[in-house]
Amino acid sequence: MYAPAVHDEITGYAEYVDQQLEGLRASAHGLTEEQARLTPTRSALSIGGIIKHTSYVIASPEEKSGRVEEGGEISEDAYAAFMDNFALRADEMLAETIEVFDRRRVAVVEWIRSSDPDAEQTVPPAPWYGLMNSSRATLRFSFVHFVEELARHAGHADIIREQIDGANSLELLLADTGRAATPFAQPWTPKEPATT
């Protein structure tokens, strides 16, 4: 949790984004490669896929392949590259995916901290929302949108993880970050398999 504090606006954005990224990362704590690929709900999402997708979303523009053109046009290659970021491929390992995620997490939080929320930018089309052309907005829009989208994905990851082994976000956060127990939760530890 981003603990209550008297901060300036940009620090608040950076802390909220980092908090959501911390929760997403913790959702993978202790998973095997097989578990990271499980899709135990009606969704096609897995923990590994959510972490890979989030890593793509927070990547710098230079690291992303393909783009949406004015009018909402998406090339086949750009569409394929985008869709590929929702699941771990057979040649991708969870640990490597988390390493990239961790590097990008630090970079995006540092970028937010060094930015002016009033600075204007051009936001590209988002045809999945029906926004077919670029729009002008301040960076403040992007920072709040990051929090919105990352919180949505963290919620997905919480539900998927609970379906896999019953672990909840608080105990996973405590374990993944090395924090002490609270009056409400112990750091997660793997359950011993039941014996018959």
C-alpha atoms as a PDB file:
ATOM      1  CA  MET A   1       0.000   0.000   0.000  1.00  0.00           C
ATOM      2  CA  TYR A   2       1.094   3.527  -0.719  1.00  0.00           C
ATOM      3  CA  ALA A   3       1.110   4.768   2.873  1.00  0.00           C
ATOM      4  CA  PRO A   4      -0.617   8.100   3.551  1.00  0.00           C
ATOM      5  CA  ALA A   5       1.814  10.987   3.321  1.00  0.00           C
ATOM      6  CA  VAL A   6       2.023  14.664   2.495  1.00  0.00           C
ATOM      7  CA  HIS A   7       3.538  14.525  -0.982  1.00  0.00           C
ATOM      8  CA  ASP A   8       3.469  16.629  -4.067  1.00  0.00           C
ATOM      9  CA  GLU A   9       1.332  15.522  -6.989  1.00  0.00           C
ATOM     10  CA  ILE A  10       4.082  13.868  -9.026  1.00  0.00           C
ATOM     11  CA  THR A  11       5.293  11.829  -6.039  1.00  0.00           C
ATOM     12  CA  GLY A  12       1.734  10.604  -5.530  1.00  0.00           C
ATOM     13  CA  TYR A  13       1.499   9.424  -9.153  1.00  0.00           C
ATOM     14  CA  ALA A  14       4.869   7.692  -8.953  1.00  0.00           C
ATOM     15  CA  GLU A  15       4.002   5.974  -5.666  1.00  0.00           C
ATOM     16  CA  TYR A  16       0.581   4.780  -6.848  1.00  0.00           C
ATOM     17  CA  VAL A  17       2.022   3.402 -10.088  1.00  0.00           C
ATOM     18  CA  ASP A  18       4.832   1.695  -8.195  1.00  0.00           C
ATOM     19  CA  GLN A  19       2.349   0.243  -5.694  1.00  0.00           C
ATOM     20  CA  GLN A  20       0.310  -1.373  -8.477  1.00  0.00           C
ATOM     21  CA  LEU A  21       3.472  -2.720 -10.117  1.00  0.00           C
ATOM     22  CA  GLU A  22       4.610  -4.120  -6.767  1.00  0.00           C
ATOM     23  CA  GLY A  23       1.307  -5.967  -6.414  1.00  0.00           C
ATOM     24  CA  LEU A  24       1.499  -7.341  -9.936  1.00  0.00           C
ATOM     25  CA  ARG A  25       5.010  -8.628  -9.345  1.00  0.00           C
ATOM     26  CA  ALA A  26       4.003 -10.218  -6.044  1.00  0.00           C
ATOM     27  CA  SER A  27       1.228 -12.157  -7.782  1.00  0.00           C
ATOM     28  CA  ALA A  28       3.933 -14.355  -9.343  1.00  0.00           C
ATOM     29  CA  HIS A  29       5.782 -14.994  -6.070  1.00  0.00           C
ATOM     30  CA  GLY A  30       6.490 -18.691  -5.614  1.00  0.00           C
ATOM     31  CA  LEU A  31       4.840 -19.856  -8.840  1.00  0.00           C
ATOM     32  CA  THR A  32       6.289 -22.622 -10.956  1.00  0.00           C
ATOM     33  CA  GLU A  33       6.620 -22.203 -14.717  1.00  0.00           C
ATOM     34  CA  GLU A  34       3.523 -24.347 -15.153  1.00  0.00           C
ATOM     35  CA  GLN A  35       1.499 -22.348 -12.628  1.00  0.00           C
ATOM     36  CA  ALA A  36       2.557 -19.044 -14.235  1.00  0.00           C
ATOM     37  CA  ARG A  37       0.861 -20.211 -17.451  1.00  0.00           C
ATOM     38  CA  LEU A  38      -2.372 -21.490 -15.896  1.00  0.00           C
ATOM     39  CA  THR A  39      -5.641 -19.860 -16.957  1.00  0.00           C
ATOM     40  CA  PRO A  40      -7.972 -21.038 -14.169  1.00  0.00           C
ATOM     41  CA  THR A  41     -10.813 -18.611 -14.910  1.00  0.00           C
ATOM     42  CA  ARG A  42     -12.969 -18.084 -17.997  1.00  0.00           C
ATOM     43  CA  SER A  43     -10.399 -15.533 -19.152  1.00  0.00           C
ATOM     44  CA  ALA A  44      -7.397 -16.500 -21.286  1.00  0.00           C
ATOM     45  CA  LEU A  45      -5.162 -14.523 -18.899  1.00  0.00           C
ATOM     46  CA  SER A  46      -2.420 -16.087 -16.797  1.00  0.00           C
ATOM     47  CA  ILE A  47      -0.139 -14.540 -14.162  1.00  0.00           C
ATOM     48  CA  GLY A  48       2.848 -14.819 -16.521  1.00  0.00           C
ATOM     49  CA  GLY A  49       0.817 -13.254 -19.326  1.00  0.00           C
ATOM     50  CA  ILE A  50      -0.351 -10.353 -17.169  1.00  0.00           C
ATOM     51  CA  ILE A  51       3.208  -9.612 -16.059  1.00  0.00           C
ATOM     52  CA  LYS A  52       4.463  -9.834 -19.650  1.00  0.00           C
ATOM     53  CA  HIS A  53       1.644  -7.545 -20.878  1.00  0.00           C
ATOM     54  CA  THR A  54       2.219  -5.019 -18.094  1.00  0.00           C
ATOM     55  CA  SER A  55       5.933  -5.014 -18.885  1.00  0.00           C
ATOM     56  CA  TYR A  56       5.044  -4.224 -22.504  1.00  0.00           C
ATOM     57  CA  VAL A  57       2.688  -1.420 -21.467  1.00  0.00           C
ATOM     58  CA  ILE A  58       5.298   0.302 -19.274  1.00  0.00           C
ATOM     59  CA  ALA A  59       8.141  -0.164 -21.766  1.00  0.00           C
ATOM     60  CA  SER A  60       9.690   2.909 -23.322  1.00  0.00           C
ATOM     61  CA  PRO A  61       8.424   3.699 -26.844  1.00  0.00           C
ATOM     62  CA  GLU A  62      11.772   2.554 -28.284  1.00  0.00           C
ATOM     63  CA  GLU A  63      11.245  -0.923 -26.802  1.00  0.00           C
ATOM     64  CA  LYS A  64       7.789  -1.445 -28.323  1.00  0.00           C
ATOM     65  CA  SER A  65       7.237  -2.958 -31.727  1.00  0.00           C
ATOM     66  CA  GLY A  66       4.476  -1.685 -33.990  1.00  0.00           C
ATOM     67  CA  ARG A  67       2.167   1.231 -33.529  1.00  0.00           C
ATOM     68  CA  VAL A  68      -1.361   2.323 -34.242  1.00  0.00           C
ATOM     69  CA  GLU A  69      -1.660   4.796 -37.118  1.00  0.00           C
ATOM     70  CA  GLU A  70      -4.063   7.713 -37.396  1.00  0.00           C
ATOM     71  CA  GLY A  71      -7.551   6.444 -38.146  1.00  0.00           C
ATOM     72  CA  GLY A  72      -6.972   3.455 -35.878  1.00  0.00           C
ATOM     73  CA  GLU A  73      -5.142   1.369 -38.475  1.00  0.00           C
ATOM     74  CA  ILE A  74      -3.014  -1.420 -37.045  1.00  0.00           C
ATOM     75  CA  SER A  75      -0.688  -3.382 -39.292  1.00  0.00           C
ATOM     76  CA  GLU A  76      -0.828  -7.175 -39.101  1.00  0.00           C
ATOM     77  CA  ASP A  77       2.702  -7.213 -37.679  1.00  0.00           C
ATOM     78  CA  ALA A  78       1.844  -4.621 -35.024  1.00  0.00           C
ATOM     79  CA  TYR A  79      -1.330  -6.517 -34.089  1.00  0.00           C
ATOM     80  CA  ALA A  80       0.563  -9.817 -33.844  1.00  0.00           C
ATOM     81  CA  ALA A  81       3.271  -8.202 -31.676  1.00  0.00           C
ATOM     82  CA  PHE A  82       0.643  -6.693 -29.383  1.00  0.00           C
ATOM     83  CA  MET A  83      -1.321  -9.938 -29.009  1.00  0.00           C
ATOM     84  CA  ASP A  84       1.905 -11.854 -28.334  1.00  0.00           C
ATOM     85  CA  ASN A  85       2.416  -9.897 -25.125  1.00  0.00           C
ATOM     86  CA  PHE A  86      -0.583 -11.496 -23.353  1.00  0.00           C
ATOM     87  CA  ALA A  87       0.945 -14.940 -22.759  1.00  0.00           C
ATOM     88  CA  LEU A  88       4.327 -16.481 -22.073  1.00  0.00           C
ATOM     89  CA  ARG A  89       5.589 -18.358 -25.119  1.00  0.00           C
ATOM     90  CA  ALA A  90       7.220 -21.775 -24.739  1.00  0.00           C
ATOM     91  CA  ASP A  91      10.656 -20.139 -25.112  1.00  0.00           C
ATOM     92  CA  GLU A  92       9.998 -17.527 -22.392  1.00  0.00           C
ATOM     93  CA  MET A  93      10.660 -18.165 -18.719  1.00  0.00           C
ATOM     94  CA  LEU A  94       8.873 -16.457 -15.840  1.00  0.00           C
ATOM     95  CA  ALA A  95      12.115 -15.393 -14.123  1.00  0.00           C
ATOM     96  CA  GLU A  96      13.378 -13.666 -17.281  1.00  0.00           C
ATOM     97  CA  THR A  97      10.002 -11.994 -17.796  1.00  0.00           C
ATOM     98  CA  ILE A  98      10.131 -10.673 -14.229  1.00  0.00           C
ATOM     99  CA  GLU A  99      13.699  -9.385 -14.765  1.00  0.00           C
ATOM    100  CA  VAL A 100      12.513  -7.303 -17.727  1.00  0.00           C
ATOM    101  CA  PHE A 101       9.445  -6.201 -15.744  1.00  0.00           C
ATOM    102  CA  ASP A 102      11.647  -5.111 -12.802  1.00  0.00           C
ATOM    103  CA  ARG A 103      13.950  -3.082 -15.062  1.00  0.00           C
ATOM    104  CA  ARG A 104      11.029  -1.374 -16.772  1.00  0.00           C
ATOM    105  CA  ARG A 105       9.288  -0.769 -13.441  1.00  0.00           C
ATOM    106  CA  VAL A 106      12.259   1.224 -12.148  1.00  0.00           C
ATOM    107  CA  ALA A 107      12.499   3.168 -15.419  1.00  0.00           C
ATOM    108  CA  VAL A 108       8.808   4.113 -15.611  1.00  0.00           C
ATOM    109  CA  VAL A 109       8.674   5.218 -11.963  1.00  0.00           C
ATOM    110  CA  GLU A 110      11.834   7.309 -12.419  1.00  0.00           C
ATOM    111  CA  TRP A 111      10.338   8.829 -15.588  1.00  0.00           C
ATOM    112  CA  ILE A 112       7.164   9.779 -13.715  1.00  0.00           C
ATOM    113  CA  ARG A 113       9.151  11.314 -10.830  1.00  0.00           C
ATOM    114  CA  SER A 114      11.146  13.464 -13.270  1.00  0.00           C
ATOM    115  CA  SER A 115       8.122  14.635 -15.282  1.00  0.00           C
ATOM    116  CA  ASP A 116       5.937  17.705 -15.180  1.00  0.00           C
ATOM    117  CA  PRO A 117       2.280  16.591 -14.948  1.00  0.00           C
ATOM    118  CA  ASP A 118       1.244  19.757 -16.827  1.00  0.00           C
ATOM    119  CA  ALA A 119       3.467  18.949 -19.819  1.00  0.00           C
ATOM    120  CA  GLU A 120       1.418  18.300 -22.948  1.00  0.00           C
ATOM    121  CA  GLN A 121       1.728  15.211 -25.098  1.00  0.00           C
ATOM    122  CA  THR A 122       0.099  13.555 -28.073  1.00  0.00           C
ATOM    123  CA  VAL A 123      -1.722  10.387 -27.053  1.00  0.00           C
ATOM    124  CA  PRO A 124      -1.888   7.902 -29.943  1.00  0.00           C
ATOM    125  CA  PRO A 125      -5.135   6.367 -31.193  1.00  0.00           C
ATOM    126  CA  ALA A 126      -6.674   3.603 -29.087  1.00  0.00           C
ATOM    127  CA  PRO A 127      -9.095   1.820 -31.428  1.00  0.00           C
ATOM    128  CA  TRP A 128      -9.939  -0.772 -28.748  1.00  0.00           C
ATOM    129  CA  TYR A 129     -11.688   2.130 -26.937  1.00  0.00           C
ATOM    130  CA  GLY A 130     -13.100   3.595 -30.150  1.00  0.00           C
ATOM    131  CA  LEU A 131     -10.521   6.432 -30.157  1.00  0.00           C
ATOM    132  CA  MET A 132      -9.406   6.370 -33.774  1.00  0.00           C
ATOM    133  CA  ASN A 133      -7.234   9.485 -33.810  1.00  0.00           C
ATOM    134  CA  SER A 134      -4.532  11.029 -31.651  1.00  0.00           C
ATOM    135  CA  SER A 135      -5.514  13.422 -28.893  1.00  0.00           C
ATOM    136  CA  ARG A 136      -3.738  16.120 -26.936  1.00  0.00           C
ATOM    137  CA  ALA A 137      -3.523  15.636 -23.170  1.00  0.00           C
ATOM    138  CA  THR A 138      -1.271  16.448 -20.269  1.00  0.00           C
ATOM    139  CA  LEU A 139       1.047  13.859 -18.748  1.00  0.00           C
ATOM    140  CA  ARG A 140      -1.321  13.939 -15.760  1.00  0.00           C
ATOM    141  CA  PHE A 141      -3.820  12.055 -17.949  1.00  0.00           C
ATOM    142  CA  SER A 142      -1.262   9.317 -18.676  1.00  0.00           C
ATOM    143  CA  PHE A 143      -0.273   8.954 -15.039  1.00  0.00           C
ATOM    144  CA  VAL A 144      -3.871   8.566 -13.867  1.00  0.00           C
ATOM    145  CA  HIS A 145      -4.539   6.192 -16.778  1.00  0.00           C
ATOM    146  CA  PHE A 146      -1.512   4.113 -15.701  1.00  0.00           C
ATOM    147  CA  VAL A 147      -2.954   3.788 -12.201  1.00  0.00           C
ATOM    148  CA  GLU A 148      -6.360   2.841 -13.672  1.00  0.00           C
ATOM    149  CA  GLU A 149      -4.986   0.177 -16.025  1.00  0.00           C
ATOM    150  CA  LEU A 150      -2.431  -1.238 -13.612  1.00  0.00           C
ATOM    151  CA  ALA A 151      -5.051  -1.552 -10.864  1.00  0.00           C
ATOM    152  CA  ARG A 152      -7.307  -3.430 -13.298  1.00  0.00           C
ATOM    153  CA  HIS A 153      -4.497  -5.861 -14.160  1.00  0.00           C
ATOM    154  CA  ALA A 154      -3.505  -6.258 -10.494  1.00  0.00           C
ATOM    155  CA  GLY A 155      -7.108  -7.223  -9.733  1.00  0.00           C
ATOM    156  CA  HIS A 156      -7.049  -9.784 -12.536  1.00  0.00           C
ATOM    157  CA  ALA A 157      -3.805 -11.199 -11.156  1.00  0.00           C
ATOM    158  CA  ASP A 158      -5.253 -11.389  -7.613  1.00  0.00           C
ATOM    159  CA  ILE A 159      -8.224 -13.439  -8.801  1.00  0.00           C
ATOM    160  CA  ILE A 160      -6.122 -15.746 -10.955  1.00  0.00           C
ATOM    161  CA  ARG A 161      -3.617 -16.356  -8.160  1.00  0.00           C
ATOM    162  CA  GLU A 162      -6.366 -17.140  -5.665  1.00  0.00           C
ATOM    163  CA  GLN A 163      -7.721 -19.690  -8.119  1.00  0.00           C
ATOM    164  CA  ILE A 164      -4.292 -21.317  -8.522  1.00  0.00           C
ATOM    165  CA  ASP A 165      -3.406 -21.898  -4.868  1.00  0.00           C
ATOM    166  CA  GLY A 166      -5.533 -19.689  -2.633  1.00  0.00           C
ATOM    167  CA  ALA A 167      -2.755 -17.144  -1.994  1.00  0.00           C
ATOM    168  CA  ASN A 168      -3.989 -13.587  -1.479  1.00  0.00           C
ATOM    169  CA  SER A 169      -2.349 -10.327  -2.438  1.00  0.00           C
ATOM    170  CA  LEU A 170      -1.426  -9.155   1.077  1.00  0.00           C
ATOM    171  CA  GLU A 171       0.401 -12.349   2.059  1.00  0.00           C
ATOM    172  CA  LEU A 172       2.129 -12.455  -1.343  1.00  0.00           C
ATOM    173  CA  LEU A 173       3.245  -8.821  -0.978  1.00  0.00           C
ATOM    174  CA  LEU A 174       4.660  -9.508   2.461  1.00  0.00           C
ATOM    175  CA  ALA A 175       6.580 -12.526   1.168  1.00  0.00           C
ATOM    176  CA  ASP A 176       7.770 -10.963  -2.090  1.00  0.00           C
ATOM    177  CA  THR A 177       9.058  -7.793  -0.440  1.00  0.00           C
ATOM    178  CA  GLY A 178      10.435  -9.446   2.712  1.00  0.00           C
ATOM    179  CA  ARG A 179       8.101  -7.531   4.997  1.00  0.00           C
ATOM    180  CA  ALA A 180       7.090  -8.765   8.443  1.00  0.00           C
ATOM    181  CA  ALA A 181       3.715 -10.220   9.326  1.00  0.00           C
ATOM    182  CA  THR A 182       0.878  -7.843  10.176  1.00  0.00           C
ATOM    183  CA  PRO A 183      -2.038  -8.445  12.558  1.00  0.00           C
ATOM    184  CA  PHE A 184      -4.003  -9.397   9.426  1.00  0.00           C
ATOM    185  CA  ALA A 185      -1.616 -11.575   7.414  1.00  0.00           C
ATOM    186  CA  GLN A 186       1.492 -13.707   7.478  1.00  0.00           C
ATOM    187  CA  PRO A 187       3.965 -13.728   4.579  1.00  0.00           C
ATOM    188  CA  TRP A 188       2.900 -16.427   2.106  1.00  0.00           C
ATOM    189  CA  THR A 189       4.620 -19.778   2.254  1.00  0.00           C
ATOM    190  CA  PRO A 190       3.899 -22.780   0.024  1.00  0.00           C
ATOM    191  CA  LYS A 191       1.366 -25.179   1.453  1.00  0.00           C
ATOM    192  CA  GLU A 192       2.489 -28.738   2.070  1.00  0.00           C
ATOM    193  CA  PRO A 193       0.749 -31.185  -0.274  1.00  0.00           C
ATOM    194  CA  ALA A 194      -1.993 -33.160   1.427  1.00  0.00           C
ATOM    195  CA  THR A 195      -1.061 -36.723   2.356  1.00  0.00           C
ATOM    196  CA  THR A 196      -3.501 -39.578   2.294  1.00  0.00           C
END
